Protein backbone atom coordinates (compact mmCIF):
# COMPACT_ATOMS: atom_id res chain seq x y z
CA MET A 1 123.17 115.74 94.97
CA LEU A 2 124.16 113.16 97.60
CA LEU A 3 126.97 111.93 95.39
CA GLN A 4 128.41 115.43 95.25
CA LEU A 5 128.52 115.71 99.05
CA PHE A 6 130.98 112.84 99.37
CA GLU A 7 132.80 113.08 96.05
CA GLY A 8 136.56 112.84 96.36
CA LEU A 9 136.60 110.62 99.44
CA PRO A 10 138.53 107.36 98.99
CA PHE A 11 136.47 104.26 99.67
CA TYR A 12 138.25 103.52 102.95
CA ALA A 13 137.03 106.89 104.23
CA LEU A 14 133.68 106.95 102.40
CA TRP A 15 132.22 103.93 104.20
CA PRO A 16 133.09 105.11 107.75
CA VAL A 17 131.79 108.62 107.05
CA LEU A 18 128.51 107.30 105.67
CA ALA A 19 128.27 104.80 108.53
CA ALA A 20 128.61 107.62 111.07
CA VAL A 21 125.82 109.53 109.32
CA GLY A 22 123.58 106.45 109.17
CA VAL A 23 124.14 105.38 112.77
CA GLY A 24 123.49 108.92 113.98
CA TRP A 25 120.23 109.02 111.98
CA TYR A 26 119.23 105.57 113.36
CA LEU A 27 119.85 106.53 116.98
CA LEU A 28 118.12 109.89 116.59
CA ILE A 29 114.94 108.62 114.89
CA CYS A 30 114.53 105.27 116.63
CA GLY A 31 115.81 106.55 119.96
CA GLY A 32 113.48 109.52 119.90
CA LEU A 33 110.47 107.35 119.07
CA TYR A 34 111.45 104.80 121.72
CA LEU A 35 111.72 107.48 124.40
CA PHE A 36 108.37 108.96 123.38
CA LEU A 37 106.54 105.61 123.37
CA HIS A 38 108.21 103.99 126.37
CA ARG A 39 109.82 106.59 128.61
CA SER A 40 107.97 109.90 128.23
CA ARG A 41 104.94 111.20 130.11
CA TYR A 42 102.88 110.20 127.07
CA ALA A 43 103.87 106.51 127.34
CA ALA A 44 100.85 105.58 129.46
CA SER A 45 98.47 107.16 126.96
CA ALA A 46 100.22 105.53 124.00
CA ARG A 47 100.03 102.10 125.65
CA ARG A 48 96.42 101.68 124.53
CA TRP A 49 97.78 101.32 120.99
CA LYS A 50 100.47 98.78 121.90
CA THR A 51 100.17 95.57 119.93
CA GLN A 52 101.61 93.36 122.69
CA LEU A 53 100.48 94.24 126.18
CA GLN A 54 103.65 93.19 127.98
CA SER A 55 106.60 95.57 128.27
CA THR A 56 109.81 94.98 126.34
CA ARG A 57 112.72 93.85 128.50
CA SER A 58 115.61 96.28 128.89
CA ASP A 59 118.17 93.64 127.89
CA GLN A 60 116.32 93.14 124.62
CA VAL A 61 116.44 96.88 123.91
CA ARG A 62 120.19 96.89 124.48
CA GLY A 63 120.53 93.95 122.07
CA GLU A 64 118.44 95.74 119.45
CA ILE A 65 120.63 98.84 119.68
CA ARG A 66 123.84 96.83 119.43
CA ASP A 67 122.60 94.88 116.42
CA GLY A 68 121.08 98.02 114.90
CA VAL A 69 124.34 99.96 114.97
CA LEU A 70 126.20 97.12 113.25
CA SER A 71 123.45 96.56 110.68
CA MET A 72 123.08 100.25 109.84
CA SER A 73 126.81 100.29 109.16
CA MET A 74 126.27 97.46 106.67
CA VAL A 75 123.49 99.41 104.93
CA MET A 76 125.79 102.38 104.59
CA GLY A 77 128.37 99.99 103.17
CA SER A 78 125.92 99.21 100.35
CA ILE A 79 125.49 102.92 99.73
CA ALA A 80 129.25 103.47 99.81
CA ILE A 81 129.80 100.77 97.17
CA ALA A 82 127.03 102.22 94.98
CA PHE A 83 128.58 105.68 95.27
CA TRP A 84 132.05 104.34 94.47
CA CYS A 85 130.68 102.56 91.39
CA SER A 86 129.04 105.80 90.26
CA TYR A 87 132.24 107.82 90.75
CA ASN A 88 134.08 105.31 88.58
CA GLY A 89 131.40 105.06 85.89
CA TYR A 90 130.35 101.48 86.62
CA ASN A 91 126.64 102.10 87.26
CA ARG A 92 123.94 104.62 86.28
CA LEU A 93 123.42 106.35 89.62
CA TYR A 94 123.39 110.08 88.89
CA ALA A 95 123.61 113.22 91.02
CA SER A 96 121.65 115.92 89.21
CA PRO A 97 117.88 115.64 88.60
CA SER A 98 118.40 117.57 85.36
CA GLU A 99 120.29 114.69 83.75
CA TYR A 100 116.98 113.10 82.74
CA PRO A 101 113.49 114.57 82.09
CA LEU A 102 111.60 115.39 85.29
CA TRP A 103 108.86 112.90 84.39
CA TYR A 104 111.46 110.15 84.64
CA ILE A 105 111.98 110.72 88.38
CA PRO A 106 108.54 109.51 89.57
CA LEU A 107 108.71 106.67 87.04
CA SER A 108 112.08 105.54 88.39
CA ILE A 109 110.85 105.88 91.99
CA PHE A 110 107.95 103.58 91.13
CA GLY A 111 110.46 101.17 89.61
CA VAL A 112 112.53 101.19 92.80
CA PHE A 113 109.38 100.61 94.85
CA VAL A 114 108.32 97.60 92.79
CA VAL A 115 111.80 96.07 92.72
CA MET A 116 112.28 96.50 96.47
CA GLU A 117 108.80 95.24 97.31
CA VAL A 118 109.32 92.04 95.31
CA PHE A 119 112.90 91.52 96.46
CA GLU A 120 112.18 92.13 100.15
CA TRP A 121 109.20 89.78 100.19
CA THR A 122 111.03 87.07 98.26
CA PHE A 123 114.17 87.24 100.38
CA HIS A 124 112.14 87.34 103.60
CA TRP A 125 110.09 84.34 102.48
CA ALA A 126 113.27 82.47 101.53
CA CYS A 127 114.80 83.20 104.93
CA HIS A 128 111.94 81.25 106.51
CA ARG A 129 112.06 78.41 104.00
CA SER A 130 115.81 77.80 103.65
CA ASP A 131 117.67 76.20 106.55
CA LEU A 132 120.83 78.07 105.57
CA LEU A 133 119.18 81.49 105.38
CA TRP A 134 117.20 80.85 108.55
CA LYS A 135 120.42 80.35 110.50
CA VAL A 136 121.16 83.99 109.71
CA HIS A 137 117.66 85.47 109.80
CA LYS A 138 116.60 83.85 113.09
CA HIS A 139 118.85 86.36 114.84
CA HIS A 140 116.20 89.01 114.08
CA HIS A 141 113.52 86.80 115.62
CA ARG A 142 115.22 86.86 118.99
CA TYR A 143 113.13 90.00 119.39
CA ALA A 144 109.55 88.77 119.75
CA ASN A 145 108.34 92.07 121.23
CA PRO A 146 110.35 94.62 119.20
CA THR A 147 110.76 98.33 119.76
CA PRO A 148 111.59 101.01 117.14
CA PHE A 149 115.25 99.97 117.48
CA GLY A 150 114.25 96.54 116.12
CA VAL A 151 113.96 97.83 112.56
CA MET A 152 117.71 97.36 112.11
CA ALA A 153 118.22 94.55 114.65
CA ASP A 154 119.40 91.91 112.18
CA ALA A 155 122.57 89.95 111.76
CA PRO A 156 124.91 92.21 109.73
CA ILE A 157 125.03 89.87 106.71
CA ASP A 158 121.22 89.65 106.73
CA MET A 159 120.93 93.43 106.64
CA PHE A 160 123.60 93.70 103.94
CA ILE A 161 121.55 91.42 101.68
CA LYS A 162 118.35 93.34 102.48
CA SER A 163 120.05 96.58 101.50
CA SER A 164 121.65 95.11 98.37
CA PRO A 165 119.05 96.64 96.00
CA ILE A 166 120.89 99.91 96.59
CA LEU A 167 123.87 98.20 94.96
CA TRP A 168 122.29 96.58 91.94
CA ILE A 169 119.29 98.77 91.05
CA PRO A 170 121.60 101.42 89.48
CA PHE A 171 122.86 98.65 87.18
CA LEU A 172 119.28 97.94 86.02
CA PHE A 173 118.22 101.48 85.10
CA PRO A 174 119.35 105.08 85.67
CA ILE A 175 118.28 106.43 89.04
CA TRP A 176 118.77 109.79 90.78
CA ASP A 177 120.70 109.28 94.02
CA VAL A 178 118.07 111.11 96.11
CA ALA A 179 115.28 109.00 94.59
CA LEU A 180 117.11 105.73 95.28
CA ILE A 181 118.21 106.49 98.85
CA GLY A 182 114.98 108.34 99.67
CA THR A 183 112.74 105.49 98.51
CA PHE A 184 114.82 102.91 100.36
CA ALA A 185 114.86 105.03 103.52
CA THR A 186 111.10 105.56 103.38
CA MET A 187 110.18 101.94 102.72
CA ASN A 188 112.76 100.09 104.77
CA PHE A 189 113.74 102.47 107.53
CA LEU A 190 110.91 104.91 108.25
CA TYR A 191 108.01 102.58 107.52
CA GLY A 192 109.98 99.68 108.96
CA THR A 193 110.45 101.63 112.19
CA TYR A 194 106.68 101.96 112.47
CA LEU A 195 106.25 98.23 111.81
CA HIS A 196 108.69 97.30 114.56
CA ALA A 197 107.57 99.93 117.07
CA GLY A 198 104.72 97.70 118.19
CA PHE A 199 102.11 100.46 118.30
CA ASP A 200 99.06 100.67 116.03
CA PRO A 201 97.47 104.12 116.36
CA PRO A 202 94.15 104.58 114.53
CA TRP A 203 95.59 106.92 111.89
CA MET A 204 97.95 104.22 110.59
CA PRO A 205 96.87 101.25 108.40
CA SER A 206 94.29 99.05 110.09
CA PRO A 207 95.21 95.51 111.18
CA HIS A 208 92.09 94.45 109.26
CA SER A 209 93.45 95.85 106.00
CA ARG A 210 94.02 93.24 103.32
CA LEU A 211 96.40 95.33 101.22
CA LEU A 212 98.51 97.56 103.50
CA VAL A 213 100.88 96.22 106.15
CA SER A 214 100.33 97.50 109.68
CA ALA A 215 102.41 97.10 112.83
CA TRP A 216 99.98 94.37 113.90
CA HIS A 217 100.81 92.28 110.82
CA HIS A 218 104.55 92.49 111.38
CA ASN A 219 104.22 91.97 115.12
CA GLU A 220 102.17 88.86 114.39
CA HIS A 221 105.06 87.66 112.23
CA HIS A 222 107.44 88.14 115.17
CA ALA A 223 105.27 86.93 118.03
CA GLY A 224 102.54 84.81 116.48
CA SER A 225 103.18 83.00 113.21
CA LEU A 226 106.53 82.90 111.46
CA ASP A 227 104.83 81.52 108.36
CA HIS A 228 102.74 84.61 107.60
CA ASN A 229 103.02 88.33 106.81
CA TYR A 230 106.37 88.53 105.04
CA GLY A 231 105.54 91.84 103.37
CA PHE A 232 106.94 95.15 104.62
CA PHE A 233 104.82 97.72 102.81
CA THR A 234 101.94 96.08 100.99
CA GLY A 235 100.25 92.73 101.52
CA PHE A 236 99.88 92.04 97.79
CA LEU A 237 102.42 89.21 97.57
CA ASP A 238 101.25 87.71 100.86
CA ILE A 239 97.70 87.63 99.46
CA LEU A 240 98.92 86.22 96.15
CA PHE A 241 100.85 83.37 97.80
CA GLY A 242 98.46 82.69 100.68
CA THR A 243 100.65 83.95 103.52
CA ARG A 244 98.51 86.90 104.61
CA LEU A 245 97.15 86.81 108.17
CA THR A 246 94.87 89.43 109.73
CA PRO A 247 92.92 89.46 113.04
CA ASP A 248 89.83 88.50 111.02
CA ASP A 249 91.64 85.45 109.66
CA LYS A 250 92.55 84.35 113.18
CA VAL A 251 88.96 84.68 114.37
CA ALA A 252 87.72 82.72 111.36
CA ARG A 253 90.23 79.93 111.91
CA ARG A 254 89.98 79.75 115.71
CA PRO A 255 86.75 81.34 116.98
CA SER A 256 87.79 81.01 120.64
CA TYR A 257 91.29 82.42 120.12
CA ARG A 258 92.33 85.43 122.18
CA CYS A 259 95.99 86.35 121.71
CA THR A 260 97.69 88.79 124.06
CA GLU A 261 98.76 91.06 121.23
CA CYS A 262 95.22 91.46 119.81
CA ARG A 263 93.23 94.51 120.84
CA GLU A 264 89.94 93.14 119.50
CA PRO A 265 87.14 92.11 121.88
CA ALA A 266 87.20 88.44 122.81
CA THR A 267 85.00 86.35 120.54
CA SER A 268 82.32 84.33 122.25
């Protein structure tokens, strides 16, 4: 389906076209959410859900947008390479859902989810353990109080590696193009936008959850402890390797602790 939309474009045109689509999507979604949470008449009401109480500086927002545009272009570069490989028969990315039985689609989506979950956690963990990778990844941690724009505010090479499963998953098993891009967009972009928005409304996962990742968990990774909460969707690997941190863990470790980003009552 998606492959058919861009079929026939040479690679030198395919990447810029996809980049324009991706950047437009990024600015529309993240920009709209930013305006709603920070600049609309509803901003004061939404503030009660803000993870960090202080406002985000305008110069930081400009930096997030600049980095986000470049990084989104790198993500679309991964997609462009995957499409080019499919057009030339090098991978098993396919366009029509009828090419395989319908039951295979949810199975392959689950496969993409598992592969991305493991890869993202492992690469994120490595970025904080390797001096070489940290030199690249620390660019993202310039933003200690991120906004929705922060979801893509990485160094371009960092984001290219994060998006690389789009490149190599179609070499592992056949995958429908909509399933691959849709799963990646849901996990990394849409859910990632929520994680970086810095707002934890009650209908989203609770900060006290042991399994699901909430905006509090990722904000804690940015503003509190760099050594915890590497997961982006579930906390399973953080729990498994002892890097999970919740508000309850902080209270247990430091009974008198009251961090500015916590919305829990002070512990006596």
